[in-house]
Amino acid sequence: STCAFLDTDRALVLLEEYCKKLRKPEEQQLKKAIRKVMGIFKSSLFQALLGSFTKKATRHGTISHPSLPAAVAYDVLGCPKD
């Protein structure tokens, strides 16, 4: 769904902004891990799985909007979800 892609884009922007702040030598391992997560978010397999998850969850009333990537980004960044 379009919403799923937009939400993934939002998560990628948040993670990219956070990565730019990681400059200390001891933060490079974290930066590497975040870049790996970003690569997963960009993969076509992840997008397909997210689309499938979103359709099923919406159909069953589990979620009203696809927020998985943003939730992961917020968890990484320690941000409030809303």
N, C-alpha and C. Protein backbone atom coordinates (compact mmCIF):
# COMPACT_ATOMS: atom_id res chain seq x y z
N SER A 1 0.83 -1.19 0.00
CA SER A 1 0.00 0.00 0.00
C SER A 1 0.87 1.25 0.00
N THR A 2 0.35 2.33 -0.51
CA THR A 2 1.09 3.58 -0.57
C THR A 2 1.46 4.06 0.82
N CYS A 3 0.55 3.90 1.78
CA CYS A 3 0.83 4.33 3.15
C CYS A 3 2.04 3.61 3.72
N ALA A 4 2.16 2.32 3.42
CA ALA A 4 3.29 1.55 3.93
C ALA A 4 4.60 2.11 3.40
N PHE A 5 4.62 2.48 2.12
CA PHE A 5 5.84 3.02 1.53
C PHE A 5 6.17 4.39 2.13
N LEU A 6 5.15 5.23 2.31
CA LEU A 6 5.36 6.54 2.90
C LEU A 6 5.90 6.42 4.32
N ASP A 7 5.37 5.47 5.08
CA ASP A 7 5.79 5.27 6.44
C ASP A 7 7.25 4.78 6.49
N THR A 8 7.61 3.93 5.56
CA THR A 8 8.99 3.45 5.47
C THR A 8 9.91 4.61 5.13
N ASP A 9 9.48 5.46 4.22
CA ASP A 9 10.28 6.64 3.86
C ASP A 9 10.50 7.53 5.08
N ARG A 10 9.47 7.71 5.87
CA ARG A 10 9.57 8.53 7.08
C ARG A 10 10.58 7.93 8.05
N ALA A 11 10.52 6.62 8.22
CA ALA A 11 11.47 5.93 9.10
C ALA A 11 12.90 6.10 8.59
N LEU A 12 13.08 5.98 7.28
CA LEU A 12 14.41 6.12 6.69
C LEU A 12 14.98 7.52 6.91
N VAL A 13 14.12 8.53 6.79
CA VAL A 13 14.55 9.92 7.01
C VAL A 13 14.99 10.09 8.46
N LEU A 14 14.21 9.56 9.40
CA LEU A 14 14.55 9.66 10.82
C LEU A 14 15.88 8.98 11.12
N LEU A 15 16.05 7.78 10.56
CA LEU A 15 17.28 7.03 10.81
C LEU A 15 18.49 7.72 10.17
N GLU A 16 18.31 8.27 8.99
CA GLU A 16 19.40 8.98 8.30
C GLU A 16 19.84 10.20 9.11
N GLU A 17 18.86 10.94 9.61
CA GLU A 17 19.17 12.12 10.43
C GLU A 17 19.96 11.72 11.68
N TYR A 18 19.54 10.62 12.29
CA TYR A 18 20.22 10.14 13.49
C TYR A 18 21.65 9.71 13.18
N CYS A 19 21.82 9.02 12.05
CA CYS A 19 23.16 8.56 11.63
C CYS A 19 24.13 9.72 11.46
N LYS A 20 23.65 10.83 10.96
CA LYS A 20 24.51 12.00 10.74
C LYS A 20 25.09 12.53 12.04
N LYS A 21 24.40 12.26 13.15
CA LYS A 21 24.86 12.74 14.46
C LYS A 21 25.88 11.81 15.10
N LEU A 22 26.03 10.61 14.56
CA LEU A 22 26.94 9.62 15.14
C LEU A 22 28.34 9.80 14.55
N ARG A 23 29.17 10.54 15.25
CA ARG A 23 30.51 10.85 14.74
C ARG A 23 31.63 10.28 15.59
N LYS A 24 31.33 9.97 16.85
CA LYS A 24 32.36 9.47 17.76
C LYS A 24 32.78 8.06 17.36
N PRO A 25 34.04 7.70 17.60
CA PRO A 25 34.51 6.35 17.26
C PRO A 25 33.66 5.24 17.89
N GLU A 26 33.25 5.45 19.15
CA GLU A 26 32.47 4.41 19.84
C GLU A 26 31.03 4.30 19.30
N GLU A 27 30.62 5.24 18.47
CA GLU A 27 29.26 5.21 17.89
C GLU A 27 29.22 4.56 16.51
N GLN A 28 30.38 4.20 15.99
CA GLN A 28 30.42 3.69 14.61
C GLN A 28 29.76 2.31 14.47
N GLN A 29 29.83 1.49 15.52
CA GLN A 29 29.18 0.19 15.48
C GLN A 29 27.66 0.36 15.40
N LEU A 30 27.14 1.31 16.18
CA LEU A 30 25.71 1.61 16.15
C LEU A 30 25.31 2.15 14.78
N LYS A 31 26.14 3.02 14.23
CA LYS A 31 25.88 3.60 12.91
C LYS A 31 25.80 2.49 11.85
N LYS A 32 26.71 1.54 11.95
CA LYS A 32 26.73 0.40 11.01
C LYS A 32 25.44 -0.41 11.12
N ALA A 33 25.00 -0.66 12.36
CA ALA A 33 23.77 -1.43 12.59
C ALA A 33 22.56 -0.69 12.03
N ILE A 34 22.51 0.62 12.23
CA ILE A 34 21.38 1.42 11.73
C ILE A 34 21.36 1.40 10.21
N ARG A 35 22.54 1.50 9.60
CA ARG A 35 22.61 1.45 8.13
C ARG A 35 22.12 0.10 7.62
N LYS A 36 22.39 -0.96 8.38
CA LYS A 36 21.92 -2.29 7.99
C LYS A 36 20.39 -2.34 8.03
N VAL A 37 19.80 -1.76 9.08
CA VAL A 37 18.33 -1.70 9.20
C VAL A 37 17.76 -0.89 8.03
N MET A 38 18.42 0.21 7.68
CA MET A 38 17.96 1.04 6.56
C MET A 38 17.98 0.24 5.27
N GLY A 39 19.01 -0.56 5.08
CA GLY A 39 19.10 -1.40 3.89
C GLY A 39 17.95 -2.40 3.82
N ILE A 40 17.59 -2.94 4.97
CA ILE A 40 16.46 -3.88 5.04
C ILE A 40 15.16 -3.16 4.67
N PHE A 41 14.96 -1.96 5.23
CA PHE A 41 13.75 -1.19 4.92
C PHE A 41 13.64 -0.91 3.42
N LYS A 42 14.78 -0.72 2.75
CA LYS A 42 14.77 -0.39 1.32
C LYS A 42 14.59 -1.61 0.44
N SER A 43 14.77 -2.81 0.99
CA SER A 43 14.70 -4.02 0.18
C SER A 43 13.29 -4.30 -0.32
N SER A 44 13.22 -4.87 -1.51
CA SER A 44 11.91 -5.18 -2.10
C SER A 44 11.22 -6.28 -1.31
N LEU A 45 11.98 -7.21 -0.72
CA LEU A 45 11.37 -8.26 0.09
C LEU A 45 10.68 -7.67 1.31
N PHE A 46 11.35 -6.74 2.00
CA PHE A 46 10.75 -6.10 3.17
C PHE A 46 9.48 -5.36 2.77
N GLN A 47 9.53 -4.63 1.65
CA GLN A 47 8.36 -3.88 1.20
C GLN A 47 7.19 -4.82 0.90
N ALA A 48 7.50 -5.97 0.29
CA ALA A 48 6.46 -6.95 -0.01
C ALA A 48 5.87 -7.53 1.27
N LEU A 49 6.74 -7.88 2.23
CA LEU A 49 6.26 -8.41 3.50
C LEU A 49 5.44 -7.38 4.27
N LEU A 50 5.90 -6.14 4.26
CA LEU A 50 5.17 -5.07 4.95
C LEU A 50 3.80 -4.87 4.32
N GLY A 51 3.75 -4.88 3.00
CA GLY A 51 2.47 -4.74 2.30
C GLY A 51 1.52 -5.86 2.67
N SER A 52 2.03 -7.10 2.73
CA SER A 52 1.21 -8.26 3.09
C SER A 52 0.74 -8.15 4.54
N PHE A 53 1.66 -7.77 5.45
CA PHE A 53 1.33 -7.61 6.87
C PHE A 53 0.25 -6.54 7.04
N THR A 54 0.41 -5.44 6.33
CA THR A 54 -0.52 -4.33 6.44
C THR A 54 -1.92 -4.73 5.99
N LYS A 55 -2.00 -5.43 4.84
CA LYS A 55 -3.30 -5.87 4.33
C LYS A 55 -4.00 -6.79 5.32
N LYS A 56 -3.25 -7.77 5.85
CA LYS A 56 -3.84 -8.72 6.80
C LYS A 56 -4.26 -8.03 8.08
N ALA A 57 -3.40 -7.19 8.63
CA ALA A 57 -3.69 -6.52 9.90
C ALA A 57 -4.87 -5.57 9.76
N THR A 58 -4.92 -4.85 8.65
CA THR A 58 -6.02 -3.91 8.42
C THR A 58 -7.33 -4.68 8.26
N ARG A 59 -7.26 -5.81 7.52
CA ARG A 59 -8.45 -6.62 7.29
C ARG A 59 -8.99 -7.18 8.61
N HIS A 60 -8.09 -7.54 9.53
CA HIS A 60 -8.50 -8.11 10.82
C HIS A 60 -8.71 -7.04 11.89
N GLY A 61 -8.54 -5.78 11.51
CA GLY A 61 -8.76 -4.69 12.45
C GLY A 61 -7.66 -4.56 13.50
N THR A 62 -6.51 -5.18 13.25
CA THR A 62 -5.41 -5.14 14.22
C THR A 62 -4.78 -3.75 14.27
N ILE A 63 -4.60 -3.14 13.10
CA ILE A 63 -4.03 -1.80 13.05
C ILE A 63 -4.86 -0.96 12.10
N SER A 64 -4.88 0.33 12.34
CA SER A 64 -5.63 1.22 11.46
C SER A 64 -4.72 1.82 10.40
N HIS A 65 -3.39 1.79 10.65
CA HIS A 65 -2.44 2.30 9.66
C HIS A 65 -1.11 1.57 9.84
N PRO A 66 -0.34 1.42 8.76
CA PRO A 66 0.93 0.70 8.85
C PRO A 66 2.00 1.55 9.54
N SER A 67 2.41 1.15 10.73
CA SER A 67 3.36 1.97 11.46
C SER A 67 4.61 1.19 11.88
N LEU A 68 4.81 0.00 11.34
CA LEU A 68 5.93 -0.83 11.75
C LEU A 68 7.30 -0.18 11.55
N PRO A 69 7.63 0.32 10.35
CA PRO A 69 8.95 0.93 10.18
C PRO A 69 9.18 2.14 11.08
N ALA A 70 8.18 3.00 11.20
CA ALA A 70 8.33 4.18 12.05
C ALA A 70 8.49 3.77 13.50
N ALA A 71 7.77 2.74 13.92
CA ALA A 71 7.88 2.26 15.30
C ALA A 71 9.30 1.76 15.58
N VAL A 72 9.87 1.03 14.61
CA VAL A 72 11.25 0.56 14.77
C VAL A 72 12.21 1.74 14.84
N ALA A 73 12.01 2.72 13.97
CA ALA A 73 12.88 3.91 13.96
C ALA A 73 12.77 4.65 15.28
N TYR A 74 11.56 4.81 15.78
CA TYR A 74 11.36 5.50 17.06
C TYR A 74 12.04 4.74 18.20
N ASP A 75 11.96 3.41 18.15
CA ASP A 75 12.60 2.60 19.20
C ASP A 75 14.11 2.79 19.16
N VAL A 76 14.68 2.79 17.96
CA VAL A 76 16.12 2.99 17.81
C VAL A 76 16.53 4.36 18.32
N LEU A 77 15.72 5.36 18.00
CA LEU A 77 16.05 6.73 18.34
C LEU A 77 15.61 7.12 19.75
N GLY A 78 14.82 6.27 20.39
CA GLY A 78 14.33 6.58 21.73
C GLY A 78 13.30 7.70 21.73
N CYS A 79 12.53 7.82 20.64
CA CYS A 79 11.53 8.89 20.51
C CYS A 79 10.16 8.37 20.95
N PRO A 80 9.30 9.28 21.41
CA PRO A 80 7.90 8.88 21.68
C PRO A 80 7.21 8.56 20.37
N LYS A 81 6.28 7.63 20.40
CA LYS A 81 5.63 7.20 19.17
C LYS A 81 4.59 8.19 18.66
N ASP A 82 4.01 9.01 19.53
CA ASP A 82 3.05 10.02 19.07
C ASP A 82 3.09 11.27 19.86
